[in-house]
ModelCIF file with pLDDT and N, C-alpha, C, O atoms, coordinates in Angstrom:
data_MODEL
#
_entry.id   MODEL 
#
_entity.id                         1 
_entity.type                       polymer 
_entity.pdbx_number_of_molecules   1 
#
_entity_poly.entity_id                      1 
_entity_poly.type                           'polypeptide(L)' 
_entity_poly.nstd_linkage                   no 
_entity_poly.nstd_monomer                   no 
_entity_poly.pdbx_seq_one_letter_code       RRILIERLRVEREPDEIDPDVPLFGTGLGLDSVDAVELVISVEEAFQ 
_entity_poly.pdbx_seq_one_letter_code_can   RRILIERLRVEREPDEIDPDVPLFGTGLGLDSVDAVELVISVEEAFQ 
_entity_poly.pdbx_strand_id                 A 
#
loop_
_entity_poly_seq.entity_id 
_entity_poly_seq.num 
_entity_poly_seq.mon_id 
_entity_poly_seq.hetero 
1 1  ARG n 
1 2  ARG n 
1 3  ILE n 
1 4  LEU n 
1 5  ILE n 
1 6  GLU n 
1 7  ARG n 
1 8  LEU n 
1 9  ARG n 
1 10 VAL n 
1 11 GLU n 
1 12 ARG n 
1 13 GLU n 
1 14 PRO n 
1 15 ASP n 
1 16 GLU n 
1 17 ILE n 
1 18 ASP n 
1 19 PRO n 
1 20 ASP n 
1 21 VAL n 
1 22 PRO n 
1 23 LEU n 
1 24 PHE n 
1 25 GLY n 
1 26 THR n 
1 27 GLY n 
1 28 LEU n 
1 29 GLY n 
1 30 LEU n 
1 31 ASP n 
1 32 SER n 
1 33 VAL n 
1 34 ASP n 
1 35 ALA n 
1 36 VAL n 
1 37 GLU n 
1 38 LEU n 
1 39 VAL n 
1 40 ILE n 
1 41 SER n 
1 42 VAL n 
1 43 GLU n 
1 44 GLU n 
1 45 ALA n 
1 46 PHE n 
1 47 GLN n 
#
_struct_asym.id          A 
_struct_asym.entity_id   1 
#
loop_
_ma_qa_metric.id 
_ma_qa_metric.mode 
_ma_qa_metric.name 
_ma_qa_metric.software_group_id 
_ma_qa_metric.type 
1 global pLDDT . pLDDT 
2 local  pLDDT . pLDDT 
#
_ma_qa_metric_global.metric_id      1 
_ma_qa_metric_global.metric_value   95.79 
_ma_qa_metric_global.model_id       1 
_ma_qa_metric_global.ordinal_id     1 
#
loop_
_ma_qa_metric_local.label_asym_id 
_ma_qa_metric_local.label_comp_id 
_ma_qa_metric_local.label_seq_id 
_ma_qa_metric_local.metric_id 
_ma_qa_metric_local.metric_value 
_ma_qa_metric_local.model_id 
_ma_qa_metric_local.ordinal_id 
A ARG 1  2 98.00 1 1  
A ARG 2  2 98.00 1 2  
A ILE 3  2 98.00 1 3  
A LEU 4  2 98.00 1 4  
A ILE 5  2 98.00 1 5  
A GLU 6  2 97.00 1 6  
A ARG 7  2 97.00 1 7  
A LEU 8  2 96.00 1 8  
A ARG 9  2 95.00 1 9  
A VAL 10 2 96.00 1 10 
A GLU 11 2 95.00 1 11 
A ARG 12 2 95.00 1 12 
A GLU 13 2 96.00 1 13 
A PRO 14 2 96.00 1 14 
A ASP 15 2 95.00 1 15 
A GLU 16 2 96.00 1 16 
A ILE 17 2 97.00 1 17 
A ASP 18 2 97.00 1 18 
A PRO 19 2 97.00 1 19 
A ASP 20 2 97.00 1 20 
A VAL 21 2 95.00 1 21 
A PRO 22 2 97.00 1 22 
A LEU 23 2 97.00 1 23 
A PHE 24 2 95.00 1 24 
A GLY 25 2 91.00 1 25 
A THR 26 2 91.00 1 26 
A GLY 27 2 94.00 1 27 
A LEU 28 2 96.00 1 28 
A GLY 29 2 95.00 1 29 
A LEU 30 2 96.00 1 30 
A ASP 31 2 95.00 1 31 
A SER 32 2 92.00 1 32 
A VAL 33 2 95.00 1 33 
A ASP 34 2 96.00 1 34 
A ALA 35 2 94.00 1 35 
A VAL 36 2 94.00 1 36 
A GLU 37 2 96.00 1 37 
A LEU 38 2 96.00 1 38 
A VAL 39 2 95.00 1 39 
A ILE 40 2 96.00 1 40 
A SER 41 2 97.00 1 41 
A VAL 42 2 97.00 1 42 
A GLU 43 2 96.00 1 43 
A GLU 44 2 97.00 1 44 
A ALA 45 2 97.00 1 45 
A PHE 46 2 96.00 1 46 
A GLN 47 2 94.00 1 47 
#
loop_
_atom_site.group_PDB 
_atom_site.id 
_atom_site.type_symbol 
_atom_site.label_atom_id 
_atom_site.label_alt_id 
_atom_site.label_comp_id 
_atom_site.label_asym_id 
_atom_site.label_entity_id 
_atom_site.label_seq_id 
_atom_site.pdbx_PDB_ins_code 
_atom_site.Cartn_x 
_atom_site.Cartn_y 
_atom_site.Cartn_z 
_atom_site.occupancy 
_atom_site.B_iso_or_equiv 
_atom_site.pdbx_formal_charge 
_atom_site.auth_seq_id 
_atom_site.auth_comp_id 
_atom_site.auth_asym_id 
_atom_site.auth_atom_id 
_atom_site.pdbx_PDB_model_num 
ATOM 1   N N  . ARG A 1 1  ? 8.811  -15.209 -60.570 1.00 98.00 ? 1  ARG A N  1 
ATOM 2   C CA . ARG A 1 1  ? 7.829  -15.864 -61.448 1.00 98.00 ? 1  ARG A CA 1 
ATOM 3   C C  . ARG A 1 1  ? 7.330  -14.885 -62.513 1.00 98.00 ? 1  ARG A C  1 
ATOM 4   O O  . ARG A 1 1  ? 7.162  -15.259 -63.674 1.00 98.00 ? 1  ARG A O  1 
ATOM 5   N N  . ARG A 1 2  ? 7.091  -13.628 -62.114 1.00 98.00 ? 2  ARG A N  1 
ATOM 6   C CA . ARG A 1 2  ? 6.640  -12.607 -63.063 1.00 98.00 ? 2  ARG A CA 1 
ATOM 7   C C  . ARG A 1 2  ? 7.702  -12.387 -64.136 1.00 98.00 ? 2  ARG A C  1 
ATOM 8   O O  . ARG A 1 2  ? 7.371  -12.267 -65.316 1.00 98.00 ? 2  ARG A O  1 
ATOM 9   N N  . ILE A 1 3  ? 8.958  -12.333 -63.747 1.00 98.00 ? 3  ILE A N  1 
ATOM 10  C CA . ILE A 1 3  ? 10.061 -12.159 -64.706 1.00 98.00 ? 3  ILE A CA 1 
ATOM 11  C C  . ILE A 1 3  ? 10.084 -13.326 -65.683 1.00 98.00 ? 3  ILE A C  1 
ATOM 12  O O  . ILE A 1 3  ? 10.214 -13.129 -66.891 1.00 98.00 ? 3  ILE A O  1 
ATOM 13  N N  . LEU A 1 4  ? 9.960  -14.534 -65.164 1.00 98.00 ? 4  LEU A N  1 
ATOM 14  C CA . LEU A 1 4  ? 9.992  -15.712 -66.034 1.00 98.00 ? 4  LEU A CA 1 
ATOM 15  C C  . LEU A 1 4  ? 8.867  -15.678 -67.061 1.00 98.00 ? 4  LEU A C  1 
ATOM 16  O O  . LEU A 1 4  ? 9.074  -16.037 -68.220 1.00 98.00 ? 4  LEU A O  1 
ATOM 17  N N  . ILE A 1 5  ? 7.698  -15.257 -66.651 1.00 98.00 ? 5  ILE A N  1 
ATOM 18  C CA . ILE A 1 5  ? 6.540  -15.230 -67.545 1.00 98.00 ? 5  ILE A CA 1 
ATOM 19  C C  . ILE A 1 5  ? 6.615  -14.065 -68.522 1.00 98.00 ? 5  ILE A C  1 
ATOM 20  O O  . ILE A 1 5  ? 6.429  -14.249 -69.725 1.00 98.00 ? 5  ILE A O  1 
ATOM 21  N N  . GLU A 1 6  ? 6.886  -12.872 -68.014 1.00 97.00 ? 6  GLU A N  1 
ATOM 22  C CA . GLU A 1 6  ? 6.831  -11.681 -68.864 1.00 97.00 ? 6  GLU A CA 1 
ATOM 23  C C  . GLU A 1 6  ? 8.101  -11.454 -69.690 1.00 97.00 ? 6  GLU A C  1 
ATOM 24  O O  . GLU A 1 6  ? 8.006  -11.068 -70.856 1.00 97.00 ? 6  GLU A O  1 
ATOM 25  N N  . ARG A 1 7  ? 9.259  -11.679 -69.127 1.00 97.00 ? 7  ARG A N  1 
ATOM 26  C CA . ARG A 1 7  ? 10.498 -11.366 -69.830 1.00 97.00 ? 7  ARG A CA 1 
ATOM 27  C C  . ARG A 1 7  ? 11.061 -12.557 -70.592 1.00 97.00 ? 7  ARG A C  1 
ATOM 28  O O  . ARG A 1 7  ? 11.671 -12.392 -71.648 1.00 97.00 ? 7  ARG A O  1 
ATOM 29  N N  . LEU A 1 8  ? 10.857 -13.766 -70.052 1.00 96.00 ? 8  LEU A N  1 
ATOM 30  C CA . LEU A 1 8  ? 11.410 -14.947 -70.703 1.00 96.00 ? 8  LEU A CA 1 
ATOM 31  C C  . LEU A 1 8  ? 10.344 -15.789 -71.383 1.00 96.00 ? 8  LEU A C  1 
ATOM 32  O O  . LEU A 1 8  ? 10.626 -16.853 -71.935 1.00 96.00 ? 8  LEU A O  1 
ATOM 33  N N  . ARG A 1 9  ? 9.113  -15.294 -71.332 1.00 95.00 ? 9  ARG A N  1 
ATOM 34  C CA . ARG A 1 9  ? 7.980  -15.906 -72.026 1.00 95.00 ? 9  ARG A CA 1 
ATOM 35  C C  . ARG A 1 9  ? 7.745  -17.380 -71.667 1.00 95.00 ? 9  ARG A C  1 
ATOM 36  O O  . ARG A 1 9  ? 7.430  -18.200 -72.530 1.00 95.00 ? 9  ARG A O  1 
ATOM 37  N N  . VAL A 1 10 ? 7.904  -17.693 -70.383 1.00 96.00 ? 10 VAL A N  1 
ATOM 38  C CA . VAL A 1 10 ? 7.553  -19.028 -69.906 1.00 96.00 ? 10 VAL A CA 1 
ATOM 39  C C  . VAL A 1 10 ? 6.030  -19.096 -69.916 1.00 96.00 ? 10 VAL A C  1 
ATOM 40  O O  . VAL A 1 10 ? 5.358  -18.295 -69.265 1.00 96.00 ? 10 VAL A O  1 
ATOM 41  N N  . GLU A 1 11 ? 5.506  -20.038 -70.645 1.00 95.00 ? 11 GLU A N  1 
ATOM 42  C CA . GLU A 1 11 ? 4.065  -20.112 -70.854 1.00 95.00 ? 11 GLU A CA 1 
ATOM 43  C C  . GLU A 1 11 ? 3.388  -20.939 -69.772 1.00 95.00 ? 11 GLU A C  1 
ATOM 44  O O  . GLU A 1 11 ? 2.913  -22.050 -70.009 1.00 95.00 ? 11 GLU A O  1 
ATOM 45  N N  . ARG A 1 12 ? 3.360  -20.359 -68.576 1.00 95.00 ? 12 ARG A N  1 
ATOM 46  C CA . ARG A 1 12 ? 2.692  -20.975 -67.430 1.00 95.00 ? 12 ARG A CA 1 
ATOM 47  C C  . ARG A 1 12 ? 2.105  -19.876 -66.576 1.00 95.00 ? 12 ARG A C  1 
ATOM 48  O O  . ARG A 1 12 ? 2.520  -18.720 -66.655 1.00 95.00 ? 12 ARG A O  1 
ATOM 49  N N  . GLU A 1 13 ? 1.145  -20.243 -65.764 1.00 96.00 ? 13 GLU A N  1 
ATOM 50  C CA . GLU A 1 13 ? 0.600  -19.327 -64.772 1.00 96.00 ? 13 GLU A CA 1 
ATOM 51  C C  . GLU A 1 13 ? 1.591  -19.275 -63.607 1.00 96.00 ? 13 GLU A C  1 
ATOM 52  O O  . GLU A 1 13 ? 2.328  -20.236 -63.386 1.00 96.00 ? 13 GLU A O  1 
ATOM 53  N N  . PRO A 1 14 ? 1.621  -18.176 -62.866 1.00 96.00 ? 14 PRO A N  1 
ATOM 54  C CA . PRO A 1 14 ? 2.586  -18.074 -61.760 1.00 96.00 ? 14 PRO A CA 1 
ATOM 55  C C  . PRO A 1 14 ? 2.534  -19.254 -60.786 1.00 96.00 ? 14 PRO A C  1 
ATOM 56  O O  . PRO A 1 14 ? 3.577  -19.773 -60.389 1.00 96.00 ? 14 PRO A O  1 
ATOM 57  N N  . ASP A 1 15 ? 1.340  -19.675 -60.403 1.00 95.00 ? 15 ASP A N  1 
ATOM 58  C CA . ASP A 1 15 ? 1.237  -20.778 -59.445 1.00 95.00 ? 15 ASP A CA 1 
ATOM 59  C C  . ASP A 1 15 ? 1.586  -22.135 -60.051 1.00 95.00 ? 15 ASP A C  1 
ATOM 60  O O  . ASP A 1 15 ? 1.686  -23.123 -59.322 1.00 95.00 ? 15 ASP A O  1 
ATOM 61  N N  . GLU A 1 16 ? 1.774  -22.202 -61.361 1.00 96.00 ? 16 GLU A N  1 
ATOM 62  C CA . GLU A 1 16 ? 2.188  -23.436 -62.023 1.00 96.00 ? 16 GLU A CA 1 
ATOM 63  C C  . GLU A 1 16 ? 3.710  -23.573 -62.055 1.00 96.00 ? 16 GLU A C  1 
ATOM 64  O O  . GLU A 1 16 ? 4.228  -24.624 -62.431 1.00 96.00 ? 16 GLU A O  1 
ATOM 65  N N  . ILE A 1 17 ? 4.424  -22.525 -61.666 1.00 97.00 ? 17 ILE A N  1 
ATOM 66  C CA . ILE A 1 17 ? 5.891  -22.586 -61.655 1.00 97.00 ? 17 ILE A CA 1 
ATOM 67  C C  . ILE A 1 17 ? 6.326  -23.054 -60.272 1.00 97.00 ? 17 ILE A C  1 
ATOM 68  O O  . ILE A 1 17 ? 6.355  -22.276 -59.318 1.00 97.00 ? 17 ILE A O  1 
ATOM 69  N N  . ASP A 1 18 ? 6.660  -24.322 -60.182 1.00 97.00 ? 18 ASP A N  1 
ATOM 70  C CA . ASP A 1 18 ? 7.112  -24.932 -58.935 1.00 97.00 ? 18 ASP A CA 1 
ATOM 71  C C  . ASP A 1 18 ? 8.458  -24.321 -58.548 1.00 97.00 ? 18 ASP A C  1 
ATOM 72  O O  . ASP A 1 18 ? 9.362  -24.259 -59.381 1.00 97.00 ? 18 ASP A O  1 
ATOM 73  N N  . PRO A 1 19 ? 8.608  -23.872 -57.313 1.00 97.00 ? 19 PRO A N  1 
ATOM 74  C CA . PRO A 1 19 ? 9.882  -23.272 -56.903 1.00 97.00 ? 19 PRO A CA 1 
ATOM 75  C C  . PRO A 1 19 ? 11.078 -24.210 -57.017 1.00 97.00 ? 19 PRO A C  1 
ATOM 76  O O  . PRO A 1 19 ? 12.217 -23.747 -57.089 1.00 97.00 ? 19 PRO A O  1 
ATOM 77  N N  . ASP A 1 20 ? 10.843 -25.506 -57.035 1.00 97.00 ? 20 ASP A N  1 
ATOM 78  C CA . ASP A 1 20 ? 11.945 -26.459 -57.134 1.00 97.00 ? 20 ASP A CA 1 
ATOM 79  C C  . ASP A 1 20 ? 12.210 -26.937 -58.556 1.00 97.00 ? 20 ASP A C  1 
ATOM 80  O O  . ASP A 1 20 ? 13.041 -27.820 -58.766 1.00 97.00 ? 20 ASP A O  1 
ATOM 81  N N  . VAL A 1 21 ? 11.515 -26.365 -59.532 1.00 95.00 ? 21 VAL A N  1 
ATOM 82  C CA . VAL A 1 21 ? 11.717 -26.772 -60.919 1.00 95.00 ? 21 VAL A CA 1 
ATOM 83  C C  . VAL A 1 21 ? 13.065 -26.225 -61.426 1.00 95.00 ? 21 VAL A C  1 
ATOM 84  O O  . VAL A 1 21 ? 13.403 -25.069 -61.170 1.00 95.00 ? 21 VAL A O  1 
ATOM 85  N N  . PRO A 1 22 ? 13.820 -27.051 -62.136 1.00 97.00 ? 22 PRO A N  1 
ATOM 86  C CA . PRO A 1 22 ? 15.059 -26.541 -62.729 1.00 97.00 ? 22 PRO A CA 1 
ATOM 87  C C  . PRO A 1 22 ? 14.743 -25.441 -63.748 1.00 97.00 ? 22 PRO A C  1 
ATOM 88  O O  . PRO A 1 22 ? 13.757 -25.525 -64.480 1.00 97.00 ? 22 PRO A O  1 
ATOM 89  N N  . LEU A 1 23 ? 15.583 -24.424 -63.785 1.00 97.00 ? 23 LEU A N  1 
ATOM 90  C CA . LEU A 1 23 ? 15.381 -23.336 -64.734 1.00 97.00 ? 23 LEU A CA 1 
ATOM 91  C C  . LEU A 1 23 ? 15.743 -23.762 -66.155 1.00 97.00 ? 23 LEU A C  1 
ATOM 92  O O  . LEU A 1 23 ? 15.133 -23.303 -67.121 1.00 97.00 ? 23 LEU A O  1 
ATOM 93  N N  . PHE A 1 24 ? 16.733 -24.640 -66.278 1.00 95.00 ? 24 PHE A N  1 
ATOM 94  C CA . PHE A 1 24 ? 17.253 -25.014 -67.594 1.00 95.00 ? 24 PHE A CA 1 
ATOM 95  C C  . PHE A 1 24 ? 16.971 -26.478 -67.884 1.00 95.00 ? 24 PHE A C  1 
ATOM 96  O O  . PHE A 1 24 ? 16.579 -27.235 -66.997 1.00 95.00 ? 24 PHE A O  1 
ATOM 97  N N  . GLY A 1 25 ? 17.174 -26.866 -69.125 1.00 91.00 ? 25 GLY A N  1 
ATOM 98  C CA . GLY A 1 25 ? 16.998 -28.258 -69.519 1.00 91.00 ? 25 GLY A CA 1 
ATOM 99  C C  . GLY A 1 25 ? 15.554 -28.701 -69.454 1.00 91.00 ? 25 GLY A C  1 
ATOM 100 O O  . GLY A 1 25 ? 14.663 -28.031 -69.976 1.00 91.00 ? 25 GLY A O  1 
ATOM 101 N N  . THR A 1 26 ? 15.326 -29.832 -68.812 1.00 91.00 ? 26 THR A N  1 
ATOM 102 C CA . THR A 1 26 ? 13.991 -30.421 -68.799 1.00 91.00 ? 26 THR A CA 1 
ATOM 103 C C  . THR A 1 26 ? 13.016 -29.706 -67.865 1.00 91.00 ? 26 THR A C  1 
ATOM 104 O O  . THR A 1 26 ? 11.827 -30.022 -67.859 1.00 91.00 ? 26 THR A O  1 
ATOM 105 N N  . GLY A 1 27 ? 13.499 -28.757 -67.087 1.00 94.00 ? 27 GLY A N  1 
ATOM 106 C CA . GLY A 1 27 ? 12.613 -27.999 -66.201 1.00 94.00 ? 27 GLY A CA 1 
ATOM 107 C C  . GLY A 1 27 ? 11.805 -26.996 -66.993 1.00 94.00 ? 27 GLY A C  1 
ATOM 108 O O  . GLY A 1 27 ? 10.887 -27.363 -67.728 1.00 94.00 ? 27 GLY A O  1 
ATOM 109 N N  . LEU A 1 28 ? 12.151 -25.717 -66.841 1.00 96.00 ? 28 LEU A N  1 
ATOM 110 C CA . LEU A 1 28 ? 11.447 -24.664 -67.590 1.00 96.00 ? 28 LEU A CA 1 
ATOM 111 C C  . LEU A 1 28 ? 11.959 -24.537 -69.014 1.00 96.00 ? 28 LEU A C  1 
ATOM 112 O O  . LEU A 1 28 ? 11.368 -23.822 -69.823 1.00 96.00 ? 28 LEU A O  1 
ATOM 113 N N  . GLY A 1 29 ? 13.045 -25.221 -69.329 1.00 95.00 ? 29 GLY A N  1 
ATOM 114 C CA . GLY A 1 29 ? 13.537 -25.239 -70.698 1.00 95.00 ? 29 GLY A CA 1 
ATOM 115 C C  . GLY A 1 29 ? 14.290 -23.996 -71.131 1.00 95.00 ? 29 GLY A C  1 
ATOM 116 O O  . GLY A 1 29 ? 14.418 -23.741 -72.329 1.00 95.00 ? 29 GLY A O  1 
ATOM 117 N N  . LEU A 1 30 ? 14.791 -23.215 -70.180 1.00 96.00 ? 30 LEU A N  1 
ATOM 118 C CA . LEU A 1 30 ? 15.563 -22.032 -70.554 1.00 96.00 ? 30 LEU A CA 1 
ATOM 119 C C  . LEU A 1 30 ? 16.887 -22.457 -71.173 1.00 96.00 ? 30 LEU A C  1 
ATOM 120 O O  . LEU A 1 30 ? 17.390 -23.546 -70.895 1.00 96.00 ? 30 LEU A O  1 
ATOM 121 N N  . ASP A 1 31 ? 17.449 -21.589 -72.016 1.00 95.00 ? 31 ASP A N  1 
ATOM 122 C CA . ASP A 1 31 ? 18.732 -21.870 -72.653 1.00 95.00 ? 31 ASP A CA 1 
ATOM 123 C C  . ASP A 1 31 ? 19.735 -20.778 -72.289 1.00 95.00 ? 31 ASP A C  1 
ATOM 124 O O  . ASP A 1 31 ? 19.451 -19.934 -71.439 1.00 95.00 ? 31 ASP A O  1 
ATOM 125 N N  . SER A 1 32 ? 20.903 -20.788 -72.923 1.00 92.00 ? 32 SER A N  1 
ATOM 126 C CA . SER A 1 32 ? 21.967 -19.843 -72.575 1.00 92.00 ? 32 SER A CA 1 
ATOM 127 C C  . SER A 1 32 ? 21.587 -18.393 -72.885 1.00 92.00 ? 32 SER A C  1 
ATOM 128 O O  . SER A 1 32 ? 21.988 -17.485 -72.157 1.00 92.00 ? 32 SER A O  1 
ATOM 129 N N  . VAL A 1 33 ? 20.833 -18.170 -73.934 1.00 95.00 ? 33 VAL A N  1 
ATOM 130 C CA . VAL A 1 33 ? 20.376 -16.808 -74.245 1.00 95.00 ? 33 VAL A CA 1 
ATOM 131 C C  . VAL A 1 33 ? 19.404 -16.347 -73.161 1.00 95.00 ? 33 VAL A C  1 
ATOM 132 O O  . VAL A 1 33 ? 19.452 -15.196 -72.727 1.00 95.00 ? 33 VAL A O  1 
ATOM 133 N N  . ASP A 1 34 ? 18.527 -17.246 -72.728 1.00 96.00 ? 34 ASP A N  1 
ATOM 134 C CA . ASP A 1 34 ? 17.603 -16.929 -71.646 1.00 96.00 ? 34 ASP A CA 1 
ATOM 135 C C  . ASP A 1 34 ? 18.363 -16.617 -70.355 1.00 96.00 ? 34 ASP A C  1 
ATOM 136 O O  . ASP A 1 34 ? 17.942 -15.763 -69.575 1.00 96.00 ? 34 ASP A O  1 
ATOM 137 N N  . ALA A 1 35 ? 19.473 -17.304 -70.134 1.00 94.00 ? 35 ALA A N  1 
ATOM 138 C CA . ALA A 1 35 ? 20.261 -17.074 -68.920 1.00 94.00 ? 35 ALA A CA 1 
ATOM 139 C C  . ALA A 1 35 ? 20.738 -15.626 -68.849 1.00 94.00 ? 35 ALA A C  1 
ATOM 140 O O  . ALA A 1 35 ? 20.702 -15.008 -67.785 1.00 94.00 ? 35 ALA A O  1 
ATOM 141 N N  . VAL A 1 36 ? 21.178 -15.093 -69.970 1.00 94.00 ? 36 VAL A N  1 
ATOM 142 C CA . VAL A 1 36 ? 21.627 -13.702 -70.011 1.00 94.00 ? 36 VAL A CA 1 
ATOM 143 C C  . VAL A 1 36 ? 20.464 -12.767 -69.684 1.00 94.00 ? 36 VAL A C  1 
ATOM 144 O O  . VAL A 1 36 ? 20.614 -11.852 -68.875 1.00 94.00 ? 36 VAL A O  1 
ATOM 145 N N  . GLU A 1 37 ? 19.324 -12.988 -70.298 1.00 96.00 ? 37 GLU A N  1 
ATOM 146 C CA . GLU A 1 37 ? 18.145 -12.164 -70.034 1.00 96.00 ? 37 GLU A CA 1 
ATOM 147 C C  . GLU A 1 37 ? 17.693 -12.293 -68.584 1.00 96.00 ? 37 GLU A C  1 
ATOM 148 O O  . GLU A 1 37 ? 17.283 -11.311 -67.967 1.00 96.00 ? 37 GLU A O  1 
ATOM 149 N N  . LEU A 1 38 ? 17.769 -13.500 -68.045 1.00 96.00 ? 38 LEU A N  1 
ATOM 150 C CA . LEU A 1 38 ? 17.383 -13.722 -66.659 1.00 96.00 ? 38 LEU A CA 1 
ATOM 151 C C  . LEU A 1 38 ? 18.288 -12.940 -65.708 1.00 96.00 ? 38 LEU A C  1 
ATOM 152 O O  . LEU A 1 38 ? 17.805 -12.296 -64.777 1.00 96.00 ? 38 LEU A O  1 
ATOM 153 N N  . VAL A 1 39 ? 19.585 -12.998 -65.941 1.00 95.00 ? 39 VAL A N  1 
ATOM 154 C CA . VAL A 1 39 ? 20.532 -12.265 -65.090 1.00 95.00 ? 39 VAL A CA 1 
ATOM 155 C C  . VAL A 1 39 ? 20.247 -10.767 -65.138 1.00 95.00 ? 39 VAL A C  1 
ATOM 156 O O  . VAL A 1 39 ? 20.168 -10.110 -64.100 1.00 95.00 ? 39 VAL A O  1 
ATOM 157 N N  . ILE A 1 40 ? 20.096 -10.238 -66.331 1.00 96.00 ? 40 ILE A N  1 
ATOM 158 C CA . ILE A 1 40 ? 19.822 -8.802  -66.486 1.00 96.00 ? 40 ILE A CA 1 
ATOM 159 C C  . ILE A 1 40 ? 18.513 -8.431  -65.787 1.00 96.00 ? 40 ILE A C  1 
ATOM 160 O O  . ILE A 1 40 ? 18.457 -7.437  -65.062 1.00 96.00 ? 40 ILE A O  1 
ATOM 161 N N  . SER A 1 41 ? 17.483 -9.211  -65.999 1.00 97.00 ? 41 SER A N  1 
ATOM 162 C CA . SER A 1 41 ? 16.176 -8.924  -65.413 1.00 97.00 ? 41 SER A CA 1 
ATOM 163 C C  . SER A 1 41 ? 16.203 -8.998  -63.893 1.00 97.00 ? 41 SER A C  1 
ATOM 164 O O  . SER A 1 41 ? 15.620 -8.148  -63.221 1.00 97.00 ? 41 SER A O  1 
ATOM 165 N N  . VAL A 1 42 ? 16.872 -10.001 -63.348 1.00 97.00 ? 42 VAL A N  1 
ATOM 166 C CA . VAL A 1 42 ? 16.960 -10.152 -61.895 1.00 97.00 ? 42 VAL A CA 1 
ATOM 167 C C  . VAL A 1 42 ? 17.779 -9.012  -61.296 1.00 97.00 ? 42 VAL A C  1 
ATOM 168 O O  . VAL A 1 42 ? 17.411 -8.461  -60.258 1.00 97.00 ? 42 VAL A O  1 
ATOM 169 N N  . GLU A 1 43 ? 18.878 -8.661  -61.938 1.00 96.00 ? 43 GLU A N  1 
ATOM 170 C CA . GLU A 1 43 ? 19.691 -7.552  -61.436 1.00 96.00 ? 43 GLU A CA 1 
ATOM 171 C C  . GLU A 1 43 ? 18.890 -6.252  -61.405 1.00 96.00 ? 43 GLU A C  1 
ATOM 172 O O  . GLU A 1 43 ? 18.979 -5.490  -60.442 1.00 96.00 ? 43 GLU A O  1 
ATOM 173 N N  . GLU A 1 44 ? 18.117 -6.001  -62.444 1.00 97.00 ? 44 GLU A N  1 
ATOM 174 C CA . GLU A 1 44 ? 17.292 -4.790  -62.491 1.00 97.00 ? 44 GLU A CA 1 
ATOM 175 C C  . GLU A 1 44 ? 16.171 -4.817  -61.453 1.00 97.00 ? 44 GLU A C  1 
ATOM 176 O O  . GLU A 1 44 ? 15.953 -3.833  -60.747 1.00 97.00 ? 44 GLU A O  1 
ATOM 177 N N  . ALA A 1 45 ? 15.471 -5.926  -61.362 1.00 97.00 ? 45 ALA A N  1 
ATOM 178 C CA . ALA A 1 45 ? 14.308 -6.022  -60.484 1.00 97.00 ? 45 ALA A CA 1 
ATOM 179 C C  . ALA A 1 45 ? 14.676 -5.991  -59.002 1.00 97.00 ? 45 ALA A C  1 
ATOM 180 O O  . ALA A 1 45 ? 13.964 -5.399  -58.191 1.00 97.00 ? 45 ALA A O  1 
ATOM 181 N N  . PHE A 1 46 ? 15.785 -6.629  -58.656 1.00 96.00 ? 46 PHE A N  1 
ATOM 182 C CA . PHE A 1 46 ? 16.143 -6.768  -57.248 1.00 96.00 ? 46 PHE A CA 1 
ATOM 183 C C  . PHE A 1 46 ? 17.309 -5.879  -56.815 1.00 96.00 ? 46 PHE A C  1 
ATOM 184 O O  . PHE A 1 46 ? 17.693 -5.879  -55.646 1.00 96.00 ? 46 PHE A O  1 
ATOM 185 N N  . GLN A 1 47 ? 17.865 -5.127  -57.756 1.00 94.00 ? 47 GLN A N  1 
ATOM 186 C CA . GLN A 1 47 ? 18.989 -4.242  -57.440 1.00 94.00 ? 47 GLN A CA 1 
ATOM 187 C C  . GLN A 1 47 ? 20.143 -5.006  -56.790 1.00 94.00 ? 47 GLN A C  1 
ATOM 188 O O  . GLN A 1 47 ? 21.169 -4.412  -56.460 1.00 94.00 ? 47 GLN A O  1 
#
């Protein structure tokens, strides 16, 4: 949730991000460029 807010600029509070929300499309609205950033951020954060 922190990665989504800080790195991908999802404009929600952490507790407002439902764990079952889709990351792309009508969910959080991420796109293909965001997908690349998400992969990089997750790989770095979680090793």
